[in-house]
Structure formats: C-alpha cells, structure tokens
C-alpha atoms as a PDB file:
ATOM      1  CA  MET A   1       0.000   0.000   0.000  1.00  0.00           C
ATOM      2  CA  THR A   2       1.414   3.364  -1.029  1.00  0.00           C
ATOM      3  CA  ALA A   3       1.084   6.354   1.290  1.00  0.00           C
ATOM      4  CA  ARG A   4      -0.850   9.259  -0.151  1.00  0.00           C
ATOM      5  CA  ARG A   5       1.218  12.432  -0.277  1.00  0.00           C
ATOM      6  CA  ALA A   6      -0.214  15.722   0.817  1.00  0.00           C
ATOM      7  CA  PRO A   7      -0.422  18.309  -1.962  1.00  0.00           C
ATOM      8  CA  THR A   8       2.290  20.947  -2.084  1.00  0.00           C
ATOM      9  CA  THR A   9      -0.211  23.674  -2.977  1.00  0.00           C
ATOM     10  CA  ALA A  10      -3.711  24.351  -1.716  1.00  0.00           C
ATOM     11  CA  PRO A  11      -5.712  21.129  -1.697  1.00  0.00           C
ATOM     12  CA  SER A  12      -8.288  20.761  -4.420  1.00  0.00           C
ATOM     13  CA  LEU A  13     -11.922  20.272  -3.569  1.00  0.00           C
ATOM     14  CA  ALA A  14     -11.509  16.597  -4.465  1.00  0.00           C
ATOM     15  CA  TRP A  15      -8.768  16.137  -1.840  1.00  0.00           C
ATOM     16  CA  ARG A  16     -10.312  16.210   1.633  1.00  0.00           C
ATOM     17  CA  LEU A  17      -9.329  15.210   5.115  1.00  0.00           C
ATOM     18  CA  PRO A  18     -11.774  13.758   7.618  1.00  0.00           C
ATOM     19  CA  GLY A  19     -13.785  16.623   9.055  1.00  0.00           C
ATOM     20  CA  ASP A  20     -13.323  18.864   6.015  1.00  0.00           C
ATOM     21  CA  PRO A  21     -16.565  20.277   4.686  1.00  0.00           C
ATOM     22  CA  PRO A  22     -17.922  18.727   1.481  1.00  0.00           C
ATOM     23  CA  PRO A  23     -16.992  20.448  -1.809  1.00  0.00           C
ATOM     24  CA  ASP A  24     -20.324  22.292  -2.101  1.00  0.00           C
ATOM     25  CA  GLU A  25     -19.842  23.790   1.365  1.00  0.00           C
ATOM     26  CA  GLN A  26     -16.281  24.772   0.478  1.00  0.00           C
ATOM     27  CA  VAL A  27     -17.604  26.659  -2.568  1.00  0.00           C
ATOM     28  CA  ARG A  28     -20.248  28.368  -0.415  1.00  0.00           C
ATOM     29  CA  ARG A  29     -17.510  29.440   1.997  1.00  0.00           C
ATOM     30  CA  MET A  30     -15.457  30.798  -0.905  1.00  0.00           C
ATOM     31  CA  ILE A  31     -18.385  32.845  -2.137  1.00  0.00           C
ATOM     32  CA  ARG A  32     -19.223  34.064   1.378  1.00  0.00           C
ATOM     33  CA  VAL A  33     -15.675  35.181   2.148  1.00  0.00           C
ATOM     34  CA  ASP A  34     -15.098  36.692  -1.299  1.00  0.00           C
ATOM     35  CA  HIS A  35     -18.341  38.660  -1.033  1.00  0.00           C
ATOM     36  CA  ALA A  36     -17.293  39.895   2.419  1.00  0.00           C
ATOM     37  CA  GLY A  37     -13.799  40.769   1.189  1.00  0.00           C
ATOM     38  CA  GLU A  38     -15.007  42.693  -1.821  1.00  0.00           C
ATOM     39  CA  TYR A  39     -17.511  44.509   0.391  1.00  0.00           C
ATOM     40  CA  GLY A  40     -14.693  45.412   2.789  1.00  0.00           C
ATOM     41  CA  ALA A  41     -12.523  46.589  -0.118  1.00  0.00           C
ATOM     42  CA  LYS A  42     -15.338  48.798  -1.366  1.00  0.00           C
ATOM     43  CA  ARG A  43     -15.554  50.369   2.081  1.00  0.00           C
ATOM     44  CA  ILE A  44     -11.761  50.861   2.337  1.00  0.00           C
ATOM     45  CA  TYR A  45     -11.776  52.744  -0.955  1.00  0.00           C
ATOM     46  CA  ALA A  46     -14.816  54.775   0.152  1.00  0.00           C
ATOM     47  CA  GLY A  47     -12.853  55.871   3.227  1.00  0.00           C
ATOM     48  CA  GLN A  48      -9.801  56.712   1.135  1.00  0.00           C
ATOM     49  CA  LEU A  49     -11.891  58.674  -1.354  1.00  0.00           C
ATOM     50  CA  ALA A  50     -13.564  60.662   1.438  1.00  0.00           C
ATOM     51  CA  VAL A  51     -10.139  61.960   2.451  1.00  0.00           C
ATOM     52  CA  LEU A  52      -8.102  61.894  -0.776  1.00  0.00           C
ATOM     53  CA  GLY A  53     -10.732  61.893  -3.515  1.00  0.00           C
ATOM     54  CA  ARG A  54     -10.163  65.502  -4.616  1.00  0.00           C
ATOM     55  CA  GLY A  55      -6.367  65.269  -4.627  1.00  0.00           C
ATOM     56  CA  PRO A  56      -3.940  63.832  -7.142  1.00  0.00           C
ATOM     57  CA  ALA A  57      -4.464  60.258  -5.859  1.00  0.00           C
ATOM     58  CA  GLY A  58      -8.225  60.505  -6.406  1.00  0.00           C
ATOM     59  CA  PRO A  59      -8.367  59.153  -9.980  1.00  0.00           C
ATOM     60  CA  ALA A  60      -6.267  56.062  -9.170  1.00  0.00           C
ATOM     61  CA  ILE A  61      -8.287  55.306  -6.036  1.00  0.00           C
ATOM     62  CA  ARG A  62     -11.545  55.834  -7.939  1.00  0.00           C
ATOM     63  CA  HIS A  63     -10.396  53.415 -10.672  1.00  0.00           C
ATOM     64  CA  MET A  64      -9.579  50.743  -8.096  1.00  0.00           C
ATOM     65  CA  ALA A  65     -12.907  51.361  -6.327  1.00  0.00           C
ATOM     66  CA  GLU A  66     -14.807  50.915  -9.600  1.00  0.00           C
ATOM     67  CA  GLN A  67     -13.140  47.549 -10.157  1.00  0.00           C
ATOM     68  CA  GLU A  68     -13.992  46.506  -6.593  1.00  0.00           C
ATOM     69  CA  ASP A  69     -17.622  47.501  -7.222  1.00  0.00           C
ATOM     70  CA  ARG A  70     -17.666  45.137 -10.205  1.00  0.00           C
ATOM     71  CA  HIS A  71     -16.117  42.330  -8.133  1.00  0.00           C
ATOM     72  CA  LEU A  72     -18.685  42.876  -5.385  1.00  0.00           C
ATOM     73  CA  ALA A  73     -21.552  42.813  -7.895  1.00  0.00           C
ATOM     74  CA  ALA A  74     -20.341  39.441  -9.197  1.00  0.00           C
ATOM     75  CA  PHE A  75     -20.254  37.916  -5.723  1.00  0.00           C
ATOM     76  CA  GLU A  76     -23.631  39.446  -4.884  1.00  0.00           C
ATOM     77  CA  ARG A  77     -24.998  37.542  -7.899  1.00  0.00           C
ATOM     78  CA  HIS A  78     -23.382  34.328  -6.650  1.00  0.00           C
ATOM     79  CA  ILE A  79     -24.832  34.891  -3.161  1.00  0.00           C
ATOM     80  CA  VAL A  80     -28.341  35.127  -4.630  1.00  0.00           C
ATOM     81  CA  GLN A  81     -28.070  32.477  -7.357  1.00  0.00           C
ATOM     82  CA  ARG A  82     -26.467  29.873  -5.113  1.00  0.00           C
ATOM     83  CA  ARG A  83     -28.401  30.835  -1.993  1.00  0.00           C
ATOM     84  CA  VAL A  84     -25.276  31.439   0.051  1.00  0.00           C
ATOM     85  CA  ARG A  85     -25.694  33.101   3.417  1.00  0.00           C
ATOM     86  CA  PRO A  86     -23.550  36.252   3.534  1.00  0.00           C
ATOM     87  CA  THR A  87     -21.325  36.747   6.537  1.00  0.00           C
ATOM     88  CA  ALA A  88     -23.165  37.961   9.604  1.00  0.00           C
ATOM     89  CA  LEU A  89     -20.333  40.458  10.063  1.00  0.00           C
ATOM     90  CA  LEU A  90     -21.151  42.785   7.144  1.00  0.00           C
ATOM     91  CA  PRO A  91     -22.026  45.624   9.564  1.00  0.00           C
ATOM     92  CA  LEU A  92     -18.552  45.258  11.109  1.00  0.00           C
ATOM     93  CA  TRP A  93     -16.910  45.166   7.652  1.00  0.00           C
ATOM     94  CA  HIS A  94     -18.935  48.270   6.746  1.00  0.00           C
ATOM     95  CA  ALA A  95     -17.525  50.300   9.621  1.00  0.00           C
ATOM     96  CA  ALA A  96     -14.058  48.740   9.875  1.00  0.00           C
ATOM     97  CA  GLY A  97     -13.338  48.954   6.140  1.00  0.00           C
ATOM     98  CA  TYR A  98     -14.298  52.618   5.952  1.00  0.00           C
ATOM     99  CA  ALA A  99     -12.355  53.424   9.128  1.00  0.00           C
ATOM    100  CA  LEU A 100      -9.231  51.659   7.837  1.00  0.00           C
ATOM    101  CA  GLY A 101      -9.418  53.472   4.507  1.00  0.00           C
ATOM    102  CA  ALA A 102     -10.059  56.884   6.051  1.00  0.00           C
ATOM    103  CA  ALA A 103      -7.481  56.478   8.844  1.00  0.00           C
ATOM    104  CA  THR A 104      -4.671  55.468   6.511  1.00  0.00           C
ATOM    105  CA  ALA A 105      -5.651  58.223   4.065  1.00  0.00           C
ATOM    106  CA  MET A 106      -5.457  60.775   6.909  1.00  0.00           C
ATOM    107  CA  MET A 107      -1.877  59.598   7.438  1.00  0.00           C
ATOM    108  CA  GLY A 108      -1.183  60.583   3.824  1.00  0.00           C
ATOM    109  CA  VAL A 109      -1.275  59.165   0.313  1.00  0.00           C
ATOM    110  CA  LYS A 110       1.657  56.821   0.936  1.00  0.00           C
ATOM    111  CA  ALA A 111      -0.022  55.308   4.010  1.00  0.00           C
ATOM    112  CA  ALA A 112      -3.268  54.839   2.058  1.00  0.00           C
ATOM    113  CA  MET A 113      -1.269  53.117  -0.655  1.00  0.00           C
ATOM    114  CA  ALA A 114       0.483  50.974   1.981  1.00  0.00           C
ATOM    115  CA  CYS A 115      -2.962  49.868   3.128  1.00  0.00           C
ATOM    116  CA  THR A 116      -3.936  49.006  -0.438  1.00  0.00           C
ATOM    117  CA  ALA A 117      -0.716  47.100  -1.107  1.00  0.00           C
ATOM    118  CA  ALA A 118      -1.014  45.076   2.110  1.00  0.00           C
ATOM    119  CA  VAL A 119      -4.647  44.137   1.545  1.00  0.00           C
ATOM    120  CA  GLU A 120      -4.072  43.235  -2.085  1.00  0.00           C
ATOM    121  CA  GLU A 121      -1.083  41.028  -1.265  1.00  0.00           C
ATOM    122  CA  VAL A 122      -3.269  39.013   1.097  1.00  0.00           C
ATOM    123  CA  ILE A 123      -6.069  38.849  -1.465  1.00  0.00           C
ATOM    124  CA  ASP A 124      -3.602  37.611  -4.077  1.00  0.00           C
ATOM    125  CA  GLU A 125      -2.618  34.719  -1.765  1.00  0.00           C
ATOM    126  CA  HIS A 126      -6.267  34.065  -0.957  1.00  0.00           C
ATOM    127  CA  TYR A 127      -7.501  34.032  -4.564  1.00  0.00           C
ATOM    128  CA  ARG A 128      -4.502  31.941  -5.675  1.00  0.00           C
ATOM    129  CA  ALA A 129      -5.337  29.306  -3.028  1.00  0.00           C
ATOM    130  CA  GLN A 130      -9.011  29.327  -4.020  1.00  0.00           C
ATOM    131  CA  SER A 131      -8.168  28.870  -7.679  1.00  0.00           C
ATOM    132  CA  ALA A 132      -5.920  25.913  -6.857  1.00  0.00           C
ATOM    133  CA  ALA A 133      -8.578  24.411  -4.595  1.00  0.00           C
ATOM    134  CA  LEU A 134     -11.210  24.643  -7.321  1.00  0.00           C
ATOM    135  CA  GLY A 135      -9.012  22.678  -9.704  1.00  0.00           C
ATOM    136  CA  ASP A 136     -11.096  21.657 -12.704  1.00  0.00           C
ATOM    137  CA  ARG A 137     -14.434  22.205 -10.943  1.00  0.00           C
ATOM    138  CA  GLU A 138     -16.467  25.384 -11.096  1.00  0.00           C
ATOM    139  CA  GLY A 139     -14.801  26.698 -14.269  1.00  0.00           C
ATOM    140  CA  ALA A 140     -16.808  29.940 -14.459  1.00  0.00           C
ATOM    141  CA  LEU A 141     -16.214  30.785 -10.797  1.00  0.00           C
ATOM    142  CA  LYS A 142     -12.510  29.981 -11.134  1.00  0.00           C
ATOM    143  CA  ALA A 143     -12.250  32.228 -14.210  1.00  0.00           C
ATOM    144  CA  GLU A 144     -13.859  35.108 -12.294  1.00  0.00           C
ATOM    145  CA  ILE A 145     -11.530  34.606  -9.355  1.00  0.00           C
ATOM    146  CA  GLU A 146      -8.514  34.613 -11.689  1.00  0.00           C
ATOM    147  CA  GLU A 147      -9.748  37.779 -13.427  1.00  0.00           C
ATOM    148  CA  PHE A 148     -10.331  39.535 -10.110  1.00  0.00           C
ATOM    149  CA  ARG A 149      -6.956  38.348  -8.811  1.00  0.00           C
ATOM    150  CA  ALA A 150      -5.246  39.992 -11.801  1.00  0.00           C
ATOM    151  CA  GLU A 151      -7.030  43.272 -11.023  1.00  0.00           C
ATOM    152  CA  GLU A 152      -6.103  43.032  -7.336  1.00  0.00           C
ATOM    153  CA  LEU A 153      -2.463  42.620  -8.386  1.00  0.00           C
ATOM    154  CA  GLU A 154      -2.870  45.711 -10.570  1.00  0.00           C
ATOM    155  CA  HIS A 155      -4.092  47.588  -7.462  1.00  0.00           C
ATOM    156  CA  ARG A 156      -1.077  46.375  -5.484  1.00  0.00           C
ATOM    157  CA  ASP A 157       1.286  47.492  -8.250  1.00  0.00           C
ATOM    158  CA  THR A 158      -0.421  50.882  -8.470  1.00  0.00           C
ATOM    159  CA  ALA A 159      -0.019  51.314  -4.717  1.00  0.00           C
ATOM    160  CA  LEU A 160       3.643  50.312  -4.793  1.00  0.00           C
ATOM    161  CA  GLN A 161       4.343  52.723  -7.664  1.00  0.00           C
ATOM    162  CA  ALA A 162       2.635  55.481  -5.655  1.00  0.00           C
ATOM    163  CA  GLY A 163       5.125  55.068  -2.815  1.00  0.00           C
ATOM    164  CA  ALA A 164       3.439  52.568  -0.471  1.00  0.00           C
ATOM    165  CA  THR A 165       6.768  51.354   0.902  1.00  0.00           C
ATOM    166  CA  GLU A 166       7.720  54.939   1.811  1.00  0.00           C
ATOM    167  CA  ALA A 167       4.813  55.280   4.251  1.00  0.00           C
ATOM    168  CA  PRO A 168       5.704  56.028   7.864  1.00  0.00           C
ATOM    169  CA  ALA A 169       6.380  52.759   9.741  1.00  0.00           C
ATOM    170  CA  TYR A 170       5.625  50.811   6.560  1.00  0.00           C
ATOM    171  CA  PRO A 171       6.757  47.377   7.826  1.00  0.00           C
ATOM    172  CA  LEU A 172       4.614  47.678  10.965  1.00  0.00           C
ATOM    173  CA  LEU A 173       1.616  49.163   9.136  1.00  0.00           C
ATOM    174  CA  SER A 174       1.776  46.549   6.399  1.00  0.00           C
ATOM    175  CA  ALA A 175       2.159  43.640   8.838  1.00  0.00           C
ATOM    176  CA  ALA A 176      -0.775  44.808  10.970  1.00  0.00           C
ATOM    177  CA  ILE A 177      -3.077  45.235   7.959  1.00  0.00           C
ATOM    178  CA  LYS A 178      -2.054  41.852   6.533  1.00  0.00           C
ATOM    179  CA  ALA A 179      -2.705  40.128   9.865  1.00  0.00           C
ATOM    180  CA  ALA A 180      -6.118  41.781  10.179  1.00  0.00           C
ATOM    181  CA  SER A 181      -6.978  40.837   6.592  1.00  0.00           C
ATOM    182  CA  ARG A 182      -6.028  37.183   7.130  1.00  0.00           C
ATOM    183  CA  LEU A 183      -8.075  37.087  10.320  1.00  0.00           C
ATOM    184  CA  ALA A 184     -11.063  38.642   8.550  1.00  0.00           C
ATOM    185  CA  ILE A 185     -10.847  35.947   5.851  1.00  0.00           C
ATOM    186  CA  ARG A 186     -10.841  33.146   8.421  1.00  0.00           C
ATOM    187  CA  ILE A 187     -13.795  34.595  10.288  1.00  0.00           C
ATOM    188  CA  ALA A 188     -15.898  35.441   7.226  1.00  0.00           C
ATOM    189  CA  GLU A 189     -15.602  31.895   5.859  1.00  0.00           C
ATOM    190  CA  ARG A 190     -17.531  30.599   8.839  1.00  0.00           C
ATOM    191  CA  VAL A 191     -19.527  33.399  10.443  1.00  0.00           C
END
C-alpha cells in the first residue's frame, strides 16, 4: 500500500481530510468570504476617497474602487443564485473597512497606498489558493476569481508605484493590515 502524499499547494476540492466540509460547502464558503472581502474593499476605498478623492491620488483610487464595485456585484450575484448566506459580520466590515481606509488616508497618500498594497497582497494569496482548490471544478467561478486576482495585483502594483513602501512605519503598518486581513478571511468563511 502506497502512502498518499499531501499536496504541495492548496488542496483541491476533491482532496479532503476527515472533518473537512464537502466540496459544495467549500464553494459556499469561498463565495461568502469573497463577497465579504469585496464589500470590505469597497468600504476601504470609500474611506480613502472621502479623504483623498479631490487630490492627485483621487483618480487612481476611484479606478480601483470601480473595479472593486464590479467584483462585489459578481459575488452578490453568486450569493443570490447559489443561496449562500452572507457573513453575519457585514455591519462590522462596513464600519471597519471605511475606518481603515479613512485612517490610513489621513496619514497621507503613501499610508493609504500601503494599506492598499497590504490588503491586495493578502487577497492575491487568498484568490490563488481558491483557484488551486477549485481545480477543474467550477470553471466559471474559477475564471472570475482569476480575473479579479489579476485586477487586485494591478491595485497592489499601483499602490507600490505610488510610494506605499515609503509610508511612515511601513513594515509595521503593512504587517498589521495583513494580519487583520487574514483574520477577517478566516472569520468570514464561517460566520
């Protein structure tokens, strides 16, 4: 008997351990957390625009916000069509996302861009893992996730080009935002 090796990347929906949710539940969790994440991103950009929208960074932030609106609309459709319960924490995401966007924007354009870069780096990891987990299943959903991932990477690159790494206390700010983003993902999958 040959031992089965654990995958070196995110496990596909076909590869499950005892206690793992069935594939349909895993897809529902993906949709729930992606909806919550895109909602949070929309609120972060709303906070940034409230502070920086009339300045030179306004057009870039507005462009990113418009893409996030499109991502959110796609996951809102999935929520309805697949009858997925949204996270119960949307009111928290509403307030926390806006506060994070506005607070970093008040620290200056570079801090707002540091926020964007940190969030988008986590979302890149998250969407990459989801795409790998979907494997050959759910082709349309996987294609959307890949498309949105490419746009999130564009946002990260825009933020880096705008001086994100020059923000005051960048390593600390970035690490804190990444940790909060990863925690939010974990919670939104289940709650």
